[in-house]
Each structure stands twice: as C-alpha cells, then as structure tokens.
C-alpha cells in the first residue's frame, strides 16, 4: 500500500508538542464508512507512534521526513461515539466523540460558503438544528470577509498552505449551525435522516474563488490545454478571469513580505492555492463524494465560459485519480438567475448551458437547477434549502440508490416534422407542468424572442412554419421560465439543435 504523505496542515496539541496530527483530525469528526481508516501526522524521526482505534492498535515509526501514518480496517457505519488515542514517547493525544458514516467534501464560492444565519429559512430551522449525527468541518480562511482593500499583516502571514485554513469539527446544534454552509446543512440533514447514518461535511469553499484555485498546479502543468494558467505572475496572466486578478491586485499587489512562489504572491484566488491548502492535505482521508457550487467568477468573459466544461473535467478527473475512486460522485449546482443591471450576468445563459453539458462529460455526476430561486440584483440567493435538498435528491438517487427523481426536466432531443417541433425530456415525471399553473414560458427559436409552446403530457410541442436551427429554453440571465416536472423541480436552461 502506498500512501500520499503530506507535510502541511498539521495540528500541534501544545506549544512544545512534537507529536502532531493533520488538522482534519479533531474531536467530533466523522470517518468514512466501508473504507480503510488512515490516521496520520508528524513527529520526531525514529520515534515510535502507537495509535488505538476500534479496540485495535497500530504501531509505526516516524520517517526521516517527520511524517507517520497508520491504517485500520474499514468500519461499518456507527453512531456510537469512538475515541482515537495516539501515543509517542511521553506525549498522549485523545480524540473523542468520533462517528463512522459518510463524509462529503463541499467546494465552491460564496454560495456554497453561505452560512445558515443568512439563509431564508434560518429562524424556523433553528428549532430543528440539534442533529447529533450531523457534523461539519467548516474552517475559516485568511482574508475571509475582506474585499477590495489591501490585506492586513495578520492576513498576509497566514497566506501559506499550512496556515490558510483554521478550524475544527463541530456537532450540529442551534449555535454552531449558524456558521455552517446552508447548502451543506440541508443536504447533510436530508441524507442523514433518510439513510439513518452519521454525515460529515468538510467545507473548504472560498467566496469569489475561481475554479482554477481548486485544481493543482501540477495538473495544470500537465495539461496541454491549460498549462498557461500557471505560467508566470498570476495577477497579470490573461489566461485567468479578469475579476479575480483585479481583486487579487487590490489585496496583495506590491506586498513584499507576502508568501509567494514562482507564480507570485499567495492568495485564495491564485491557481492551485485552495487545492494546496485544503484538498491536498486530506487526500488520505476517504470521502463519499463531492458537492460543488461554483461558477460566478468564471462566467464573466466568453473565453472563460467556453473553457469551463473542459476545466471542470480536468478538476474532477484529478480528484478521482488522487482519491483512487474512478467513480467518485460529483454533484454540482448550476448558476441561478440574475439581472444584468448591477451584475455582469449577460453570459449566464451560455454558462448554465455549459454546466448542463457537464452531465455527459463527467460520468456519475448530477446537476441541480436553481434558476427559480435567483434574485434580480443579488448574486447570493438566500433560499439555500431548495438547493441543498435538490443536491440530496441526486445523491439519494445515484449514490444511495433510492427510487427518487433526481432532477427537473433535462432535454433529450428536439425534432421538427409537419410544422411542429417536438421536444422530449429526461426526468419529466408523471407529466410536465408549469410552476405557477400558467401557460409555459421560456421557449425561443432565436434565444431572444419568446415563442408559444404547449405541454402535451411529457413533451413540449411548438408549432412553427420553418425549421429553426436551435431551440432555446430559459435563455435569459434572469429568467421567468416556468417548466417543471411532476415533482415541481425546474427544467434546466438549454440550447439544443433541432433535428
């Protein structure tokens, strides 16, 4: 067995401690069921380390590079609290209240980061928030809530892979869940309730972060299409989104004492930095799957929109390779709706379409449609309940094998015959409907002007004299399109060729 050993992200238990654990190991954590349990850290080279878990002991010696790791046999789900005891010399560390269940990794931007305290249903959910089997590792990060101003010295000194994220596992209750990812909370609670197993959520989302930050620099260097994203100074690299370079310049440009490498000063938006700081350190920790709500920072320029599909494939393939899980579930959220008056959302219809296409590009994936919860003038819809529950539907159907419709209608094909376009759908349910009971809206033959469409059970019929090249649906930045299935789940934005 070969393990991927890392030298960052370790937690000392006292100022003078030599025995250290990776920071993901704290009280209250959840370990992945049905997978070997890896526990690792650092210590004094040559020293013996003894780890006790599940009534078993493992012994190892600290290697010359100060790292150590042990493996225990896979465990079944268990809601009874366990302990992990680590000893080395005179040092003794005990982790308490450890559960065995499913661990999901949450990545993305501020909409995944969005805390429960700001969520639409926060007040009514507070009374339901005591969930002992739901745990979350929701670290804060250097520069959080600092926007278009220079970073302070205290932020700058933490812009290293070792210090960027700081936090610990927490039980879910009315106090702790305030800071929890709202999307993650609703997802985790639904899976925990329906499956009756402990759920752990690791949330390393970063407000404003581009997808590039979650992809390793090595992966970029080995990519024929994307190697230029890690070429030279990142703040002036035209292969990266303009907005993230502008914000990065406002925060760190010209700061001499900022931690850096060959691509310039460190920052949460820098290509590979979230990967190096938050993903690479936990690769030894088995997970059940990945939840992603990201895209706003990659949706403002045509070049970035056009490459998003290939960039996403690059990221997911790398994750699956690193975790040695070729079918690691990847469930993601399509961008919602927003007006273009106060936000650069003019490319969002095309971006949503690129996200829809990922369903074919990435096997064992699922996409949540949330155009119906978008706000006209705010990139942060406060209704995260529907988003989290819709993510859970994909997991319940695809990962937990429940008999549930995972999505709203997704187009299969559009055929023209005898003056009519007939559009068929996957996931139409018993019948297609409209969300508000009014005639169906949102269809177009040119992407600009609406055309009349009619629901006929599970298909859409459009009467038209001449065959158009494409049929569009929901092709507006802020769309009022209203097609849903019998589960009241909204249809995705799409642009498909008429056959």
Foldseek 3Di string as FASTA:
>chain_A
DDDQDDDAQWDAPDPPGQWIWRQADAAQEEAEAPDKDKTKHFGDAQWKKWKDWPNDIDIDGQHPVRMDMDIDHGHHWDQDKIKMWMDTVPDIDIHIRYTYHFEEEEEAAVQQQPALLLFPCNVVCQVVFQDQLEKEWNWAFQCAPPWQAAGDPVSQVQLDLRRGTDTYMDGTHSPVRRRHRPLVSLQQVVCCVVVVGRYYYYYLYYHLAALQQQAALVLQCPDPVRVQCQPAANLPRPSAQPVVSNGVCSHPNPPPPGDADRRGHGDSRRGNSSNSNPPSSCLVGDHQAYEYEYDQSQQQDPSSLVCVLVSVLSSVCVSCVSNVNLQHAYEYEQQAFEACPQGRLFRSLSSLASVLVSPVVRPNYYYAYHNVQDDHHDSHRSHSNSVSVLSNLSCCCRVVNDPGQNAWWEWDAWEDDDQKIKIATDSQEQFKAFLVRDQFWFKDLPLPDTAHWHTDGGIIMGGHDDAGQKMWGQSGRNGPGTIGHPVSGDYTTHIHGYD
